[in-house]
């Protein structure tokens, strides 16, 4: 699934004309495409009513709905951990984030 870019604004209040649209976490790009297609009228209305012009485009803030997480501990073989850290560094993410994403993808394939 393609990653989504979400704007975050720290220590600023949202302008009155920016509307947050809650987008669920999807299992596949197809599921995401179906969701956006089903919501196309709502998104169009939000853009027309509340969109903020930025140059030639309209800005709509999107808030991703993420499932709750729980902290766990897990023992990994040292070579696996070393490899995960190397792969995470190549992608420019933390190794725990990388391991979580790899596990998530593997679990989704088994669903």
C-alpha atoms as a PDB file:
ATOM      1  CA  UNK A   1       0.000   0.000   0.000  1.00  0.00           C
ATOM      2  CA  UNK A   2       1.301   3.443  -0.848  1.00  0.00           C
ATOM      3  CA  UNK A   3       2.169   5.655   2.081  1.00  0.00           C
ATOM      4  CA  UNK A   4       0.056   8.704   2.768  1.00  0.00           C
ATOM      5  CA  UNK A   5       1.354  12.156   3.491  1.00  0.00           C
ATOM      6  CA  UNK A   6      -0.458  13.907   6.279  1.00  0.00           C
ATOM      7  CA  UNK A   7       0.116  17.518   7.217  1.00  0.00           C
ATOM      8  CA  UNK A   8       0.743  18.178  10.857  1.00  0.00           C
ATOM      9  CA  UNK A   9       0.809  21.612  12.340  1.00  0.00           C
ATOM     10  CA  UNK A  10       2.582  21.994  15.647  1.00  0.00           C
ATOM     11  CA  UNK A  11       1.770  24.836  18.045  1.00  0.00           C
ATOM     12  CA  UNK A  12      -0.646  26.403  15.569  1.00  0.00           C
ATOM     13  CA  UNK A  13      -4.373  26.520  15.474  1.00  0.00           C
ATOM     14  CA  UNK A  14      -6.080  25.258  12.339  1.00  0.00           C
ATOM     15  CA  UNK A  15      -7.436  27.964  10.096  1.00  0.00           C
ATOM     16  CA  UNK A  16     -11.218  28.088  10.325  1.00  0.00           C
ATOM     17  CA  UNK A  17     -11.600  26.998   6.696  1.00  0.00           C
ATOM     18  CA  UNK A  18      -9.609  23.734   7.043  1.00  0.00           C
ATOM     19  CA  UNK A  19     -11.709  20.637   7.687  1.00  0.00           C
ATOM     20  CA  UNK A  20     -10.278  17.367   8.978  1.00  0.00           C
ATOM     21  CA  UNK A  21     -11.434  14.258   7.114  1.00  0.00           C
ATOM     22  CA  UNK A  22     -10.879  11.035   9.048  1.00  0.00           C
ATOM     23  CA  UNK A  23      -9.460   8.333   6.802  1.00  0.00           C
ATOM     24  CA  UNK A  24      -9.363   4.755   8.128  1.00  0.00           C
ATOM     25  CA  UNK A  25      -6.379   2.418   7.852  1.00  0.00           C
ATOM     26  CA  UNK A  26      -6.752   0.232   4.751  1.00  0.00           C
ATOM     27  CA  UNK A  27      -5.634  -3.341   4.110  1.00  0.00           C
ATOM     28  CA  UNK A  28      -4.928  -2.725   0.429  1.00  0.00           C
ATOM     29  CA  UNK A  29      -4.769  -0.017  -2.206  1.00  0.00           C
ATOM     30  CA  UNK A  30      -7.918  -1.469  -3.747  1.00  0.00           C
ATOM     31  CA  UNK A  31      -9.821  -1.069  -0.470  1.00  0.00           C
ATOM     32  CA  UNK A  32      -8.534   2.501  -0.176  1.00  0.00           C
ATOM     33  CA  UNK A  33      -9.524   3.311  -3.766  1.00  0.00           C
ATOM     34  CA  UNK A  34     -13.008   1.935  -3.140  1.00  0.00           C
ATOM     35  CA  UNK A  35     -13.348   4.063   0.027  1.00  0.00           C
ATOM     36  CA  UNK A  36     -12.279   7.274  -1.735  1.00  0.00           C
ATOM     37  CA  UNK A  37     -14.581   6.488  -4.672  1.00  0.00           C
ATOM     38  CA  UNK A  38     -17.537   5.921  -2.333  1.00  0.00           C
ATOM     39  CA  UNK A  39     -16.767   9.209  -0.530  1.00  0.00           C
ATOM     40  CA  UNK A  40     -16.062  11.230  -3.695  1.00  0.00           C
ATOM     41  CA  UNK A  41     -19.155  13.437  -3.342  1.00  0.00           C
ATOM     42  CA  UNK A  42     -18.322  14.239   0.287  1.00  0.00           C
ATOM     43  CA  UNK A  43     -14.701  15.042  -0.569  1.00  0.00           C
ATOM     44  CA  UNK A  44     -15.758  17.240  -3.477  1.00  0.00           C
ATOM     45  CA  UNK A  45     -18.239  19.108  -1.268  1.00  0.00           C
ATOM     46  CA  UNK A  46     -15.599  19.584   1.427  1.00  0.00           C
ATOM     47  CA  UNK A  47     -13.135  20.919  -1.114  1.00  0.00           C
ATOM     48  CA  UNK A  48     -15.667  23.331  -2.580  1.00  0.00           C
ATOM     49  CA  UNK A  49     -16.910  24.540   0.819  1.00  0.00           C
ATOM     50  CA  UNK A  50     -13.756  24.443   2.921  1.00  0.00           C
ATOM     51  CA  UNK A  51     -10.812  23.984   0.593  1.00  0.00           C
ATOM     52  CA  UNK A  52      -7.968  26.402   0.915  1.00  0.00           C
ATOM     53  CA  UNK A  53      -6.363  27.557  -2.288  1.00  0.00           C
ATOM     54  CA  UNK A  54      -2.603  27.085  -2.369  1.00  0.00           C
ATOM     55  CA  UNK A  55      -1.334  28.243  -5.725  1.00  0.00           C
ATOM     56  CA  UNK A  56      -3.273  26.294  -8.323  1.00  0.00           C
ATOM     57  CA  UNK A  57      -4.402  23.546  -5.937  1.00  0.00           C
ATOM     58  CA  UNK A  58      -6.828  23.192  -3.044  1.00  0.00           C
ATOM     59  CA  UNK A  59      -5.600  22.060   0.373  1.00  0.00           C
ATOM     60  CA  UNK A  60      -7.692  19.646   2.461  1.00  0.00           C
ATOM     61  CA  UNK A  61      -6.240  18.337   5.700  1.00  0.00           C
ATOM     62  CA  UNK A  62      -6.599  14.562   6.109  1.00  0.00           C
ATOM     63  CA  UNK A  63      -6.438  12.841   9.476  1.00  0.00           C
ATOM     64  CA  UNK A  64      -5.581   9.156   9.449  1.00  0.00           C
ATOM     65  CA  UNK A  65      -7.397   6.952  11.921  1.00  0.00           C
ATOM     66  CA  UNK A  66      -4.819   4.617  13.386  1.00  0.00           C
ATOM     67  CA  UNK A  67      -5.677   1.542  15.421  1.00  0.00           C
ATOM     68  CA  UNK A  68      -4.688   1.497  19.083  1.00  0.00           C
ATOM     69  CA  UNK A  69      -1.280   0.007  19.811  1.00  0.00           C
ATOM     70  CA  UNK A  70       0.070  -1.933  22.757  1.00  0.00           C
ATOM     71  CA  UNK A  71       3.667  -2.114  23.892  1.00  0.00           C
ATOM     72  CA  UNK A  72       5.158  -5.621  23.920  1.00  0.00           C
ATOM     73  CA  UNK A  73       8.605  -7.101  24.218  1.00  0.00           C
ATOM     74  CA  UNK A  74       9.930  -9.766  21.913  1.00  0.00           C
ATOM     75  CA  UNK A  75      13.220 -11.616  21.677  1.00  0.00           C
ATOM     76  CA  UNK A  76      14.866 -11.738  18.270  1.00  0.00           C
ATOM     77  CA  UNK A  77      17.959 -13.542  17.086  1.00  0.00           C
ATOM     78  CA  UNK A  78      20.856 -11.077  16.985  1.00  0.00           C
ATOM     79  CA  UNK A  79      21.511 -11.601  13.250  1.00  0.00           C
ATOM     80  CA  UNK A  80      17.828 -10.880  12.497  1.00  0.00           C
ATOM     81  CA  UNK A  81      17.930  -7.716  14.596  1.00  0.00           C
ATOM     82  CA  UNK A  82      21.160  -6.595  12.934  1.00  0.00           C
ATOM     83  CA  UNK A  83      19.643  -7.177   9.480  1.00  0.00           C
ATOM     84  CA  UNK A  84      16.449  -5.337  10.439  1.00  0.00           C
ATOM     85  CA  UNK A  85      18.490  -2.359  11.652  1.00  0.00           C
ATOM     86  CA  UNK A  86      20.468  -2.283   8.392  1.00  0.00           C
ATOM     87  CA  UNK A  87      17.314  -2.460   6.247  1.00  0.00           C
ATOM     88  CA  UNK A  88      15.624   0.207   8.374  1.00  0.00           C
ATOM     89  CA  UNK A  89      18.620   2.499   7.950  1.00  0.00           C
ATOM     90  CA  UNK A  90      18.425   2.061   4.160  1.00  0.00           C
ATOM     91  CA  UNK A  91      14.785   3.153   4.273  1.00  0.00           C
ATOM     92  CA  UNK A  92      15.512   5.984   6.675  1.00  0.00           C
ATOM     93  CA  UNK A  93      13.214   4.755   9.452  1.00  0.00           C
ATOM     94  CA  UNK A  94      13.764   3.422  12.943  1.00  0.00           C
ATOM     95  CA  UNK A  95      14.314  -0.302  13.254  1.00  0.00           C
ATOM     96  CA  UNK A  96      11.265  -0.807  15.495  1.00  0.00           C
ATOM     97  CA  UNK A  97       9.081   0.999  12.975  1.00  0.00           C
ATOM     98  CA  UNK A  98      10.568  -1.150  10.215  1.00  0.00           C
ATOM     99  CA  UNK A  99       9.987  -4.399  12.125  1.00  0.00           C
ATOM    100  CA  UNK A 100       6.402  -3.332  12.898  1.00  0.00           C
ATOM    101  CA  UNK A 101       5.718  -2.599   9.209  1.00  0.00           C
ATOM    102  CA  UNK A 102       7.254  -5.896   8.061  1.00  0.00           C
ATOM    103  CA  UNK A 103       5.189  -7.816  10.625  1.00  0.00           C
ATOM    104  CA  UNK A 104       2.036  -5.914   9.629  1.00  0.00           C
ATOM    105  CA  UNK A 105       2.566  -6.692   5.924  1.00  0.00           C
ATOM    106  CA  UNK A 106       3.187 -10.379   6.668  1.00  0.00           C
ATOM    107  CA  UNK A 107       0.030 -10.593   8.779  1.00  0.00           C
ATOM    108  CA  UNK A 108      -2.035  -8.876   6.077  1.00  0.00           C
ATOM    109  CA  UNK A 109      -0.853 -11.421   3.499  1.00  0.00           C
ATOM    110  CA  UNK A 110      -2.024 -14.244   5.779  1.00  0.00           C
ATOM    111  CA  UNK A 111      -5.490 -12.703   6.221  1.00  0.00           C
END
